[in-house]
């Protein structure tokens, strides 16, 4: 039976690996532009004088 420190390190590594994999999986998705309504969050505000 491994000691406490080894078990804590193993659990820590499994948790960090899982969170890293989840982060990569979530950020790797491409946004389907046909389902986006309105401007993007990074869109600049429209200057009314240009029209």
PDB file of N, CA and C in Angstrom:
ATOM      1  N   UNK A   1       0.844  -1.200   0.000  1.00  0.00           N
ATOM      2  CA  UNK A   1       0.000   0.000   0.000  1.00  0.00           C
ATOM      3  C   UNK A   1       0.879   1.249   0.000  1.00  0.00           C
ATOM      4  N   UNK A   2       0.686   2.144  -0.993  1.00  0.00           N
ATOM      5  CA  UNK A   2       1.508   3.366  -1.025  1.00  0.00           C
ATOM      6  C   UNK A   2       1.195   4.270   0.171  1.00  0.00           C
ATOM      7  N   UNK A   3       2.168   5.080   0.508  1.00  0.00           N
ATOM      8  CA  UNK A   3       1.965   5.968   1.653  1.00  0.00           C
ATOM      9  C   UNK A   3       1.062   7.150   1.279  1.00  0.00           C
ATOM     10  N   UNK A   4       0.749   7.988   2.266  1.00  0.00           N
ATOM     11  CA  UNK A   4      -0.201   9.100   2.066  1.00  0.00           C
ATOM     12  C   UNK A   4       0.277  10.092   1.016  1.00  0.00           C
ATOM     13  N   UNK A   5       1.556  10.448   1.061  1.00  0.00           N
ATOM     14  CA  UNK A   5       2.085  11.444   0.125  1.00  0.00           C
ATOM     15  C   UNK A   5       1.943  10.958  -1.318  1.00  0.00           C
ATOM     16  N   UNK A   6       2.258   9.699  -1.554  1.00  0.00           N
ATOM     17  CA  UNK A   6       2.151   9.147  -2.903  1.00  0.00           C
ATOM     18  C   UNK A   6       0.701   9.160  -3.380  1.00  0.00           C
ATOM     19  N   UNK A   7      -0.214   8.817  -2.501  1.00  0.00           N
ATOM     20  CA  UNK A   7      -1.621   8.820  -2.880  1.00  0.00           C
ATOM     21  C   UNK A   7      -2.125  10.235  -3.167  1.00  0.00           C
ATOM     22  N   UNK A   8      -1.715  11.207  -2.358  1.00  0.00           N
ATOM     23  CA  UNK A   8      -2.110  12.598  -2.592  1.00  0.00           C
ATOM     24  C   UNK A   8      -1.557  13.075  -3.926  1.00  0.00           C
ATOM     25  N   UNK A   9      -0.305  12.752  -4.219  1.00  0.00           N
ATOM     26  CA  UNK A   9       0.298  13.150  -5.494  1.00  0.00           C
ATOM     27  C   UNK A   9      -0.425  12.497  -6.673  1.00  0.00           C
ATOM     28  N   UNK A  10      -0.791  11.233  -6.527  1.00  0.00           N
ATOM     29  CA  UNK A  10      -1.482  10.537  -7.615  1.00  0.00           C
ATOM     30  C   UNK A  10      -2.862  11.162  -7.862  1.00  0.00           C
ATOM     31  N   UNK A  11      -3.601  11.426  -6.789  1.00  0.00           N
ATOM     32  CA  UNK A  11      -4.925  12.040  -6.939  1.00  0.00           C
ATOM     33  C   UNK A  11      -4.799  13.430  -7.545  1.00  0.00           C
ATOM     34  N   UNK A  12      -3.803  14.193  -7.092  1.00  0.00           N
ATOM     35  CA  UNK A  12      -3.569  15.539  -7.630  1.00  0.00           C
ATOM     36  C   UNK A  12      -3.276  15.494  -9.129  1.00  0.00           C
ATOM     37  N   UNK A  13      -2.411  14.571  -9.545  1.00  0.00           N
ATOM     38  CA  UNK A  13      -2.062  14.475 -10.962  1.00  0.00           C
ATOM     39  C   UNK A  13      -3.264  14.062 -11.801  1.00  0.00           C
ATOM     40  N   UNK A  14      -4.091  13.156 -11.295  1.00  0.00           N
ATOM     41  CA  UNK A  14      -5.282  12.736 -12.038  1.00  0.00           C
ATOM     42  C   UNK A  14      -6.255  13.907 -12.174  1.00  0.00           C
ATOM     43  N   UNK A  15      -6.439  14.665 -11.107  1.00  0.00           N
ATOM     44  CA  UNK A  15      -7.354  15.815 -11.164  1.00  0.00           C
ATOM     45  C   UNK A  15      -6.839  16.879 -12.131  1.00  0.00           C
ATOM     46  N   UNK A  16      -5.555  17.200 -12.058  1.00  0.00           N
ATOM     47  CA  UNK A  16      -5.004  18.224 -12.946  1.00  0.00           C
ATOM     48  C   UNK A  16      -5.059  17.783 -14.404  1.00  0.00           C
ATOM     49  N   UNK A  17      -4.791  16.518 -14.663  1.00  0.00           N
ATOM     50  CA  UNK A  17      -4.862  16.013 -16.032  1.00  0.00           C
ATOM     51  C   UNK A  17      -6.293  16.082 -16.555  1.00  0.00           C
ATOM     52  N   UNK A  18      -7.249  15.736 -15.704  1.00  0.00           N
ATOM     53  CA  UNK A  18      -8.651  15.807 -16.110  1.00  0.00           C
ATOM     54  C   UNK A  18      -9.097  17.229 -16.399  1.00  0.00           C
ATOM     55  N   UNK A  19      -8.689  18.173 -15.553  1.00  0.00           N
ATOM     56  CA  UNK A  19      -9.087  19.570 -15.770  1.00  0.00           C
ATOM     57  C   UNK A  19      -8.418  20.143 -17.017  1.00  0.00           C
ATOM     58  N   UNK A  20      -7.166  19.777 -17.269  1.00  0.00           N
ATOM     59  CA  UNK A  20      -6.484  20.239 -18.477  1.00  0.00           C
ATOM     60  C   UNK A  20      -7.162  19.679 -19.717  1.00  0.00           C
ATOM     61  N   UNK A  21      -7.511  18.392 -19.682  1.00  0.00           N
ATOM     62  CA  UNK A  21      -8.192  17.778 -20.829  1.00  0.00           C
ATOM     63  C   UNK A  21      -9.550  18.425 -21.062  1.00  0.00           C
ATOM     64  N   UNK A  22     -10.282  18.725 -19.996  1.00  0.00           N
ATOM     65  CA  UNK A  22     -11.582  19.367 -20.138  1.00  0.00           C
ATOM     66  C   UNK A  22     -11.433  20.773 -20.707  1.00  0.00           C
ATOM     67  N   UNK A  23     -10.423  21.503 -20.251  1.00  0.00           N
ATOM     68  CA  UNK A  23     -10.187  22.859 -20.761  1.00  0.00           C
ATOM     69  C   UNK A  23      -9.868  22.826 -22.246  1.00  0.00           C
ATOM     70  N   UNK A  24      -9.006  21.917 -22.650  1.00  0.00           N
ATOM     71  CA  UNK A  24      -8.648  21.811 -24.068  1.00  0.00           C
ATOM     72  C   UNK A  24      -9.871  21.419 -24.888  1.00  0.00           C
ATOM     73  N   UNK A  25     -10.662  20.497 -24.381  1.00  0.00           N
ATOM     74  CA  UNK A  25     -11.851  20.047 -25.123  1.00  0.00           C
ATOM     75  C   UNK A  25     -12.867  21.169 -25.266  1.00  0.00           C
ATOM     76  N   UNK A  26     -13.044  21.988 -24.224  1.00  0.00           N
ATOM     77  CA  UNK A  26     -14.034  23.056 -24.289  1.00  0.00           C
ATOM     78  C   UNK A  26     -13.575  24.209 -25.174  1.00  0.00           C
ATOM     79  N   UNK A  27     -12.297  24.569 -25.120  1.00  0.00           N
ATOM     80  CA  UNK A  27     -11.811  25.696 -25.903  1.00  0.00           C
ATOM     81  C   UNK A  27     -11.512  25.319 -27.340  1.00  0.00           C
ATOM     82  N   UNK A  28     -11.495  24.043 -27.656  1.00  0.00           N
ATOM     83  CA  UNK A  28     -11.153  23.605 -29.002  1.00  0.00           C
ATOM     84  C   UNK A  28     -12.361  23.637 -29.937  1.00  0.00           C
ATOM     85  N   UNK A  29     -13.555  23.858 -29.409  1.00  0.00           N
ATOM     86  CA  UNK A  29     -14.753  23.841 -30.242  1.00  0.00           C
ATOM     87  C   UNK A  29     -14.830  25.100 -31.095  1.00  0.00           C
ATOM     88  N   UNK A  30     -15.211  24.917 -32.341  1.00  0.00           N
ATOM     89  CA  UNK A  30     -15.384  26.054 -33.248  1.00  0.00           C
ATOM     90  C   UNK A  30     -16.810  26.569 -33.134  1.00  0.00           C
ATOM     91  N   UNK A  31     -16.978  27.874 -33.186  1.00  0.00           N
ATOM     92  CA  UNK A  31     -18.305  28.483 -33.081  1.00  0.00           C
ATOM     93  C   UNK A  31     -18.954  28.443 -34.455  1.00  0.00           C
ATOM     94  N   UNK A  32     -20.166  27.912 -34.508  1.00  0.00           N
ATOM     95  CA  UNK A  32     -20.926  27.901 -35.755  1.00  0.00           C
ATOM     96  C   UNK A  32     -21.546  29.290 -35.935  1.00  0.00           C
ATOM     97  N   UNK A  33     -21.083  30.025 -36.944  1.00  0.00           N
ATOM     98  CA  UNK A  33     -21.508  31.410 -37.103  1.00  0.00           C
ATOM     99  C   UNK A  33     -22.975  31.527 -37.490  1.00  0.00           C
ATOM    100  N   UNK A  34     -23.580  30.470 -38.012  1.00  0.00           N
ATOM    101  CA  UNK A  34     -24.995  30.562 -38.387  1.00  0.00           C
ATOM    102  C   UNK A  34     -25.901  30.574 -37.157  1.00  0.00           C
ATOM    103  N   UNK A  35     -25.383  30.182 -36.004  1.00  0.00           N
ATOM    104  CA  UNK A  35     -26.193  30.156 -34.798  1.00  0.00           C
ATOM    105  C   UNK A  35     -25.931  31.350 -33.880  1.00  0.00           C
ATOM    106  N   UNK A  36     -25.083  32.269 -34.314  1.00  0.00           N
ATOM    107  CA  UNK A  36     -24.754  33.424 -33.485  1.00  0.00           C
ATOM    108  C   UNK A  36     -25.695  34.570 -33.857  1.00  0.00           C
ATOM    109  N   UNK A  37     -26.457  35.053 -32.895  1.00  0.00           N
ATOM    110  CA  UNK A  37     -27.382  36.155 -33.130  1.00  0.00           C
ATOM    111  C   UNK A  37     -26.793  37.428 -32.540  1.00  0.00           C
ATOM    112  N   UNK A  38     -26.689  38.455 -33.339  1.00  0.00           N
ATOM    113  CA  UNK A  38     -26.131  39.704 -32.857  1.00  0.00           C
ATOM    114  C   UNK A  38     -24.627  39.742 -33.014  1.00  0.00           C
ATOM    115  N   UNK A  39     -24.003  40.826 -32.552  1.00  0.00           N
ATOM    116  CA  UNK A  39     -22.553  40.972 -32.723  1.00  0.00           C
ATOM    117  C   UNK A  39     -21.791  40.065 -31.767  1.00  0.00           C
ATOM    118  N   UNK A  40     -20.552  39.816 -32.107  1.00  0.00           N
ATOM    119  CA  UNK A  40     -19.692  39.057 -31.226  1.00  0.00           C
ATOM    120  C   UNK A  40     -19.347  39.883 -29.990  1.00  0.00           C
ATOM    121  N   UNK A  41     -18.904  39.226 -28.946  1.00  0.00           N
ATOM    122  CA  UNK A  41     -18.558  39.929 -27.717  1.00  0.00           C
ATOM    123  C   UNK A  41     -17.372  40.865 -27.946  1.00  0.00           C
ATOM    124  N   UNK A  42     -16.510  40.528 -28.920  1.00  0.00           N
ATOM    125  CA  UNK A  42     -15.333  41.346 -29.167  1.00  0.00           C
ATOM    126  C   UNK A  42     -15.587  42.431 -30.220  1.00  0.00           C
ATOM    127  N   UNK A  43     -16.838  42.561 -30.681  1.00  0.00           N
ATOM    128  CA  UNK A  43     -17.144  43.541 -31.720  1.00  0.00           C
ATOM    129  C   UNK A  43     -16.994  44.953 -31.164  1.00  0.00           C
ATOM    130  N   UNK A  44     -16.503  45.838 -32.015  1.00  0.00           N
ATOM    131  CA  UNK A  44     -16.342  47.245 -31.593  1.00  0.00           C
ATOM    132  C   UNK A  44     -17.692  47.942 -31.655  1.00  0.00           C
ATOM    133  N   UNK A  45     -17.899  48.929 -30.805  1.00  0.00           N
ATOM    134  CA  UNK A  45     -19.169  49.660 -30.900  1.00  0.00           C
ATOM    135  C   UNK A  45     -19.267  50.425 -32.212  1.00  0.00           C
ATOM    136  N   UNK A  46     -20.463  50.500 -32.747  1.00  0.00           N
ATOM    137  CA  UNK A  46     -20.692  51.151 -34.042  1.00  0.00           C
ATOM    138  C   UNK A  46     -20.674  52.665 -33.843  1.00  0.00           C
ATOM    139  N   UNK A  47     -19.945  53.362 -34.712  1.00  0.00           N
ATOM    140  CA  UNK A  47     -19.926  54.818 -34.673  1.00  0.00           C
ATOM    141  C   UNK A  47     -21.027  55.308 -35.616  1.00  0.00           C
ATOM    142  N   UNK A  48     -22.035  55.993 -35.069  1.00  0.00           N
ATOM    143  CA  UNK A  48     -23.209  56.372 -35.861  1.00  0.00           C
ATOM    144  C   UNK A  48     -22.854  57.386 -36.942  1.00  0.00           C
ATOM    145  N   UNK A  49     -21.795  58.175 -36.769  1.00  0.00           N
ATOM    146  CA  UNK A  49     -21.469  59.216 -37.734  1.00  0.00           C
ATOM    147  C   UNK A  49     -20.909  58.657 -39.027  1.00  0.00           C
ATOM    148  N   UNK A  50     -20.552  57.391 -39.049  1.00  0.00           N
ATOM    149  CA  UNK A  50     -19.987  56.835 -40.287  1.00  0.00           C
ATOM    150  C   UNK A  50     -21.089  56.485 -41.292  1.00  0.00           C
ATOM    151  N   UNK A  51     -22.372  56.554 -40.887  1.00  0.00           N
ATOM    152  CA  UNK A  51     -23.458  56.215 -41.800  1.00  0.00           C
ATOM    153  C   UNK A  51     -24.088  57.460 -42.292  1.00  0.00           C
TER     154      UNK A  51
END
